[in-house]
Amino acid sequence: MELKLVNGLPIISFPLIYQKQTIKMENVLFDTGCASTIFDTDLVANIGLDLDMINGTAKRMYGVGGASELCYEQVVEDMQIGSIVLPSFKLQLGMTKIPMVLMAY
């Protein structure tokens, strides 16, 4: 796991392993004050980590300023972050990227 400070924020990069598939997660905010872990659905879909519509639960996540976004909370079995094995881990999946807005002039 690689940790660096960017504009005073702790940013990490790490391999995420699920169902024997690996992706490199880069420029991830290591939010030590967050109550849960959220991953972007578009990024983790590449390794088969999808919404579990049967066993998961729709939740609202709140950020700075109190704005909320919809995400999905679920338990994931046998996930690995770097060398850390997580046999059963509760996480949230949602859209974490800021959408690009095209402006017409």
N, C-alpha and C. Protein backbone atom coordinates (compact mmCIF):
# COMPACT_ATOMS: atom_id res chain seq x y z
N MET A 1 0.86 -1.17 0.00
CA MET A 1 0.00 0.00 0.00
C MET A 1 0.90 1.23 0.00
N GLU A 2 0.56 2.19 -0.81
CA GLU A 2 1.36 3.40 -0.96
C GLU A 2 0.55 4.59 -0.44
N LEU A 3 1.13 5.36 0.49
CA LEU A 3 0.46 6.52 1.09
C LEU A 3 1.25 7.77 0.77
N LYS A 4 0.53 8.83 0.35
CA LYS A 4 1.17 10.13 0.12
C LYS A 4 0.19 11.22 0.52
N LEU A 5 0.71 12.40 0.82
CA LEU A 5 -0.13 13.56 1.12
C LEU A 5 -0.27 14.41 -0.13
N VAL A 6 -1.50 14.72 -0.49
CA VAL A 6 -1.79 15.59 -1.63
C VAL A 6 -2.69 16.70 -1.12
N ASN A 7 -2.18 17.92 -1.15
CA ASN A 7 -2.92 19.07 -0.62
C ASN A 7 -3.39 18.83 0.82
N GLY A 8 -2.55 18.15 1.59
CA GLY A 8 -2.85 17.89 2.99
C GLY A 8 -3.77 16.70 3.23
N LEU A 9 -4.18 15.99 2.19
CA LEU A 9 -5.08 14.85 2.33
C LEU A 9 -4.31 13.55 2.15
N PRO A 10 -4.61 12.52 2.97
CA PRO A 10 -3.93 11.23 2.80
C PRO A 10 -4.52 10.46 1.61
N ILE A 11 -3.70 10.22 0.62
CA ILE A 11 -4.12 9.53 -0.60
C ILE A 11 -3.35 8.22 -0.69
N ILE A 12 -4.07 7.12 -0.98
CA ILE A 12 -3.41 5.82 -1.07
C ILE A 12 -3.67 5.17 -2.42
N SER A 13 -2.80 4.24 -2.75
CA SER A 13 -2.96 3.37 -3.91
C SER A 13 -2.73 1.95 -3.43
N PHE A 14 -3.52 1.00 -3.93
CA PHE A 14 -3.41 -0.38 -3.47
C PHE A 14 -4.06 -1.32 -4.47
N PRO A 15 -3.64 -2.58 -4.47
CA PRO A 15 -4.33 -3.57 -5.28
C PRO A 15 -5.58 -4.05 -4.54
N LEU A 16 -6.69 -4.16 -5.25
CA LEU A 16 -7.94 -4.69 -4.71
C LEU A 16 -8.21 -6.01 -5.40
N ILE A 17 -8.35 -7.07 -4.61
CA ILE A 17 -8.51 -8.42 -5.15
C ILE A 17 -9.87 -8.96 -4.73
N TYR A 18 -10.63 -9.44 -5.73
CA TYR A 18 -11.95 -10.02 -5.47
C TYR A 18 -12.18 -11.10 -6.53
N GLN A 19 -12.61 -12.26 -6.11
CA GLN A 19 -12.86 -13.40 -6.99
C GLN A 19 -11.66 -13.68 -7.90
N LYS A 20 -10.47 -13.63 -7.30
CA LYS A 20 -9.20 -13.92 -7.98
C LYS A 20 -8.87 -12.95 -9.11
N GLN A 21 -9.51 -11.80 -9.11
CA GLN A 21 -9.21 -10.75 -10.08
C GLN A 21 -8.68 -9.54 -9.33
N THR A 22 -7.74 -8.83 -9.93
CA THR A 22 -7.09 -7.69 -9.27
C THR A 22 -7.20 -6.44 -10.11
N ILE A 23 -7.47 -5.32 -9.43
CA ILE A 23 -7.36 -4.01 -10.06
C ILE A 23 -6.50 -3.13 -9.16
N LYS A 24 -5.85 -2.17 -9.74
CA LYS A 24 -5.04 -1.21 -8.98
C LYS A 24 -5.93 0.00 -8.70
N MET A 25 -6.20 0.24 -7.43
CA MET A 25 -6.96 1.41 -7.01
C MET A 25 -5.95 2.52 -6.76
N GLU A 26 -6.07 3.62 -7.49
CA GLU A 26 -5.11 4.70 -7.38
C GLU A 26 -5.79 5.99 -6.96
N ASN A 27 -5.06 6.82 -6.24
CA ASN A 27 -5.53 8.13 -5.81
C ASN A 27 -6.84 8.05 -5.04
N VAL A 28 -6.85 7.17 -4.03
CA VAL A 28 -8.03 6.95 -3.20
C VAL A 28 -7.86 7.73 -1.89
N LEU A 29 -8.86 8.50 -1.52
CA LEU A 29 -8.81 9.24 -0.25
C LEU A 29 -8.92 8.25 0.90
N PHE A 30 -7.94 8.26 1.78
CA PHE A 30 -7.94 7.43 2.99
C PHE A 30 -8.62 8.26 4.07
N ASP A 31 -9.93 8.13 4.18
CA ASP A 31 -10.74 8.97 5.06
C ASP A 31 -10.88 8.31 6.43
N THR A 32 -10.04 8.69 7.35
CA THR A 32 -10.03 8.08 8.68
C THR A 32 -11.23 8.46 9.52
N GLY A 33 -11.98 9.47 9.12
CA GLY A 33 -13.16 9.89 9.87
C GLY A 33 -14.46 9.36 9.29
N CYS A 34 -14.38 8.56 8.26
CA CYS A 34 -15.56 8.04 7.58
C CYS A 34 -16.10 6.82 8.34
N ALA A 35 -17.42 6.71 8.40
CA ALA A 35 -18.05 5.60 9.11
C ALA A 35 -18.06 4.31 8.29
N SER A 36 -17.85 4.40 6.98
CA SER A 36 -17.87 3.21 6.14
C SER A 36 -16.92 3.40 4.95
N THR A 37 -16.74 2.32 4.20
CA THR A 37 -15.87 2.33 3.03
C THR A 37 -16.74 2.30 1.80
N ILE A 38 -16.48 3.22 0.86
CA ILE A 38 -17.25 3.24 -0.39
C ILE A 38 -16.30 3.12 -1.57
N PHE A 39 -16.72 2.31 -2.54
CA PHE A 39 -16.00 2.15 -3.79
C PHE A 39 -16.92 2.55 -4.93
N ASP A 40 -16.34 3.11 -5.98
CA ASP A 40 -17.10 3.50 -7.16
C ASP A 40 -17.52 2.25 -7.94
N THR A 41 -18.80 2.17 -8.26
CA THR A 41 -19.34 0.99 -8.95
C THR A 41 -18.67 0.76 -10.30
N ASP A 42 -18.34 1.82 -11.01
CA ASP A 42 -17.71 1.66 -12.34
C ASP A 42 -16.33 1.03 -12.24
N LEU A 43 -15.58 1.36 -11.19
CA LEU A 43 -14.22 0.83 -11.04
C LEU A 43 -14.21 -0.63 -10.61
N VAL A 44 -15.01 -1.00 -9.63
CA VAL A 44 -14.96 -2.36 -9.09
C VAL A 44 -15.76 -3.37 -9.91
N ALA A 45 -16.58 -2.90 -10.82
CA ALA A 45 -17.31 -3.83 -11.70
C ALA A 45 -16.34 -4.64 -12.55
N ASN A 46 -15.16 -4.10 -12.82
CA ASN A 46 -14.16 -4.79 -13.64
C ASN A 46 -13.65 -6.08 -13.00
N ILE A 47 -13.83 -6.24 -11.68
CA ILE A 47 -13.39 -7.46 -11.01
C ILE A 47 -14.59 -8.27 -10.49
N GLY A 48 -15.78 -7.94 -10.97
CA GLY A 48 -16.97 -8.70 -10.60
C GLY A 48 -17.63 -8.27 -9.30
N LEU A 49 -17.22 -7.14 -8.76
CA LEU A 49 -17.82 -6.64 -7.53
C LEU A 49 -19.01 -5.76 -7.91
N ASP A 50 -20.19 -6.35 -7.88
CA ASP A 50 -21.42 -5.70 -8.33
C ASP A 50 -22.40 -5.53 -7.18
N LEU A 51 -23.41 -4.73 -7.41
CA LEU A 51 -24.46 -4.54 -6.40
C LEU A 51 -25.16 -5.87 -6.12
N ASP A 52 -25.36 -6.17 -4.85
CA ASP A 52 -26.11 -7.35 -4.43
C ASP A 52 -27.52 -6.88 -4.09
N MET A 53 -28.38 -6.93 -5.08
CA MET A 53 -29.73 -6.40 -4.93
C MET A 53 -30.60 -7.23 -3.98
N ILE A 54 -30.21 -8.45 -3.71
CA ILE A 54 -31.00 -9.33 -2.84
C ILE A 54 -30.61 -9.13 -1.37
N ASN A 55 -29.31 -9.14 -1.08
CA ASN A 55 -28.85 -9.10 0.31
C ASN A 55 -28.39 -7.72 0.77
N GLY A 56 -28.22 -6.78 -0.15
CA GLY A 56 -27.76 -5.45 0.21
C GLY A 56 -28.90 -4.51 0.56
N THR A 57 -28.54 -3.28 0.93
CA THR A 57 -29.52 -2.28 1.35
C THR A 57 -29.17 -0.93 0.75
N ALA A 58 -30.16 -0.24 0.21
CA ALA A 58 -29.95 1.13 -0.28
C ALA A 58 -29.72 2.05 0.91
N LYS A 59 -28.73 2.91 0.81
CA LYS A 59 -28.38 3.86 1.89
C LYS A 59 -28.10 5.23 1.29
N ARG A 60 -28.09 6.22 2.14
CA ARG A 60 -27.67 7.57 1.74
C ARG A 60 -26.30 7.82 2.34
N MET A 61 -25.37 8.34 1.55
CA MET A 61 -24.07 8.76 2.07
C MET A 61 -24.05 10.28 2.07
N TYR A 62 -23.44 10.83 3.10
CA TYR A 62 -23.41 12.28 3.27
C TYR A 62 -21.97 12.76 3.26
N GLY A 63 -21.74 13.87 2.59
CA GLY A 63 -20.40 14.44 2.51
C GLY A 63 -20.36 15.81 3.14
N VAL A 64 -19.30 16.51 2.85
CA VAL A 64 -19.13 17.87 3.36
C VAL A 64 -20.27 18.73 2.84
N GLY A 65 -20.87 19.51 3.69
CA GLY A 65 -21.99 20.36 3.30
C GLY A 65 -23.34 19.69 3.47
N GLY A 66 -23.35 18.40 3.84
CA GLY A 66 -24.61 17.71 4.12
C GLY A 66 -25.34 17.16 2.92
N ALA A 67 -24.80 17.34 1.70
CA ALA A 67 -25.47 16.79 0.51
C ALA A 67 -25.40 15.27 0.57
N SER A 68 -26.45 14.61 0.09
CA SER A 68 -26.47 13.15 0.15
C SER A 68 -26.53 12.55 -1.25
N GLU A 69 -25.98 11.35 -1.35
CA GLU A 69 -26.01 10.57 -2.59
C GLU A 69 -26.47 9.17 -2.24
N LEU A 70 -27.14 8.52 -3.16
CA LEU A 70 -27.60 7.15 -2.94
C LEU A 70 -26.46 6.18 -3.20
N CYS A 71 -26.32 5.19 -2.34
CA CYS A 71 -25.34 4.12 -2.54
C CYS A 71 -25.98 2.82 -2.06
N TYR A 72 -25.24 1.74 -2.18
CA TYR A 72 -25.76 0.43 -1.81
C TYR A 72 -24.80 -0.22 -0.84
N GLU A 73 -25.29 -0.61 0.34
CA GLU A 73 -24.45 -1.22 1.37
C GLU A 73 -24.64 -2.74 1.34
N GLN A 74 -23.51 -3.46 1.37
CA GLN A 74 -23.59 -4.91 1.33
C GLN A 74 -22.35 -5.52 1.95
N VAL A 75 -22.46 -6.79 2.30
CA VAL A 75 -21.33 -7.54 2.83
C VAL A 75 -20.68 -8.28 1.67
N VAL A 76 -19.36 -8.17 1.59
CA VAL A 76 -18.59 -8.84 0.53
C VAL A 76 -17.71 -9.90 1.19
N GLU A 77 -17.72 -11.08 0.63
CA GLU A 77 -16.93 -12.19 1.17
C GLU A 77 -15.60 -12.30 0.42
N ASP A 78 -14.54 -12.60 1.15
CA ASP A 78 -13.23 -12.91 0.59
C ASP A 78 -12.68 -11.84 -0.35
N MET A 79 -12.61 -10.63 0.14
CA MET A 79 -11.99 -9.53 -0.59
C MET A 79 -10.62 -9.29 0.03
N GLN A 80 -9.71 -8.76 -0.75
CA GLN A 80 -8.37 -8.51 -0.24
C GLN A 80 -7.92 -7.12 -0.69
N ILE A 81 -7.41 -6.34 0.28
CA ILE A 81 -6.85 -5.02 0.00
C ILE A 81 -5.36 -5.11 0.30
N GLY A 82 -4.55 -5.07 -0.76
CA GLY A 82 -3.12 -5.29 -0.57
C GLY A 82 -2.91 -6.68 0.00
N SER A 83 -2.19 -6.77 1.11
CA SER A 83 -1.95 -8.07 1.75
C SER A 83 -2.96 -8.38 2.84
N ILE A 84 -3.94 -7.51 3.04
CA ILE A 84 -4.94 -7.69 4.10
C ILE A 84 -6.14 -8.45 3.55
N VAL A 85 -6.40 -9.63 4.09
CA VAL A 85 -7.52 -10.47 3.68
C VAL A 85 -8.73 -10.12 4.54
N LEU A 86 -9.85 -9.84 3.88
CA LEU A 86 -11.10 -9.51 4.57
C LEU A 86 -12.12 -10.61 4.28
N PRO A 87 -12.28 -11.58 5.19
CA PRO A 87 -13.18 -12.70 4.92
C PRO A 87 -14.64 -12.28 4.79
N SER A 88 -15.05 -11.24 5.51
CA SER A 88 -16.41 -10.72 5.45
C SER A 88 -16.34 -9.24 5.77
N PHE A 89 -16.65 -8.40 4.79
CA PHE A 89 -16.43 -6.96 4.94
C PHE A 89 -17.63 -6.19 4.44
N LYS A 90 -18.18 -5.30 5.29
CA LYS A 90 -19.31 -4.46 4.89
C LYS A 90 -18.78 -3.22 4.18
N LEU A 91 -19.28 -2.96 2.98
CA LEU A 91 -18.86 -1.78 2.23
C LEU A 91 -20.05 -1.18 1.52
N GLN A 92 -19.81 -0.05 0.90
CA GLN A 92 -20.84 0.61 0.11
C GLN A 92 -20.34 0.78 -1.31
N LEU A 93 -21.25 0.62 -2.26
CA LEU A 93 -20.95 0.84 -3.66
C LEU A 93 -21.82 1.98 -4.16
N GLY A 94 -21.24 2.89 -4.90
CA GLY A 94 -22.00 4.02 -5.42
C GLY A 94 -21.18 4.78 -6.44
N MET A 95 -21.74 5.87 -6.91
CA MET A 95 -21.04 6.74 -7.85
C MET A 95 -20.26 7.75 -7.03
N THR A 96 -18.93 7.68 -7.09
CA THR A 96 -18.12 8.60 -6.29
C THR A 96 -17.43 9.66 -7.14
N LYS A 97 -17.47 9.50 -8.43
CA LYS A 97 -16.81 10.48 -9.30
C LYS A 97 -17.73 11.67 -9.52
N ILE A 98 -17.13 12.84 -9.65
CA ILE A 98 -17.89 14.05 -9.92
C ILE A 98 -18.23 14.04 -11.40
N PRO A 99 -19.53 14.11 -11.75
CA PRO A 99 -19.89 14.09 -13.18
C PRO A 99 -19.39 15.35 -13.88
N MET A 100 -18.94 15.17 -15.10
CA MET A 100 -18.48 16.31 -15.89
C MET A 100 -19.70 17.02 -16.47
N VAL A 101 -19.72 18.31 -16.37
CA VAL A 101 -20.82 19.11 -16.89
C VAL A 101 -20.29 19.89 -18.08
N LEU A 102 -20.93 19.71 -19.21
CA LEU A 102 -20.52 20.45 -20.40
C LEU A 102 -21.27 21.76 -20.44
N MET A 103 -20.55 22.83 -20.65
CA MET A 103 -21.17 24.15 -20.67
C MET A 103 -21.22 24.65 -22.12
N ALA A 104 -22.37 25.11 -22.55
CA ALA A 104 -22.51 25.67 -23.90
C ALA A 104 -22.34 27.19 -23.80
N TYR A 105 -21.58 27.73 -24.71
CA TYR A 105 -21.38 29.19 -24.72
C TYR A 105 -22.08 29.81 -25.89
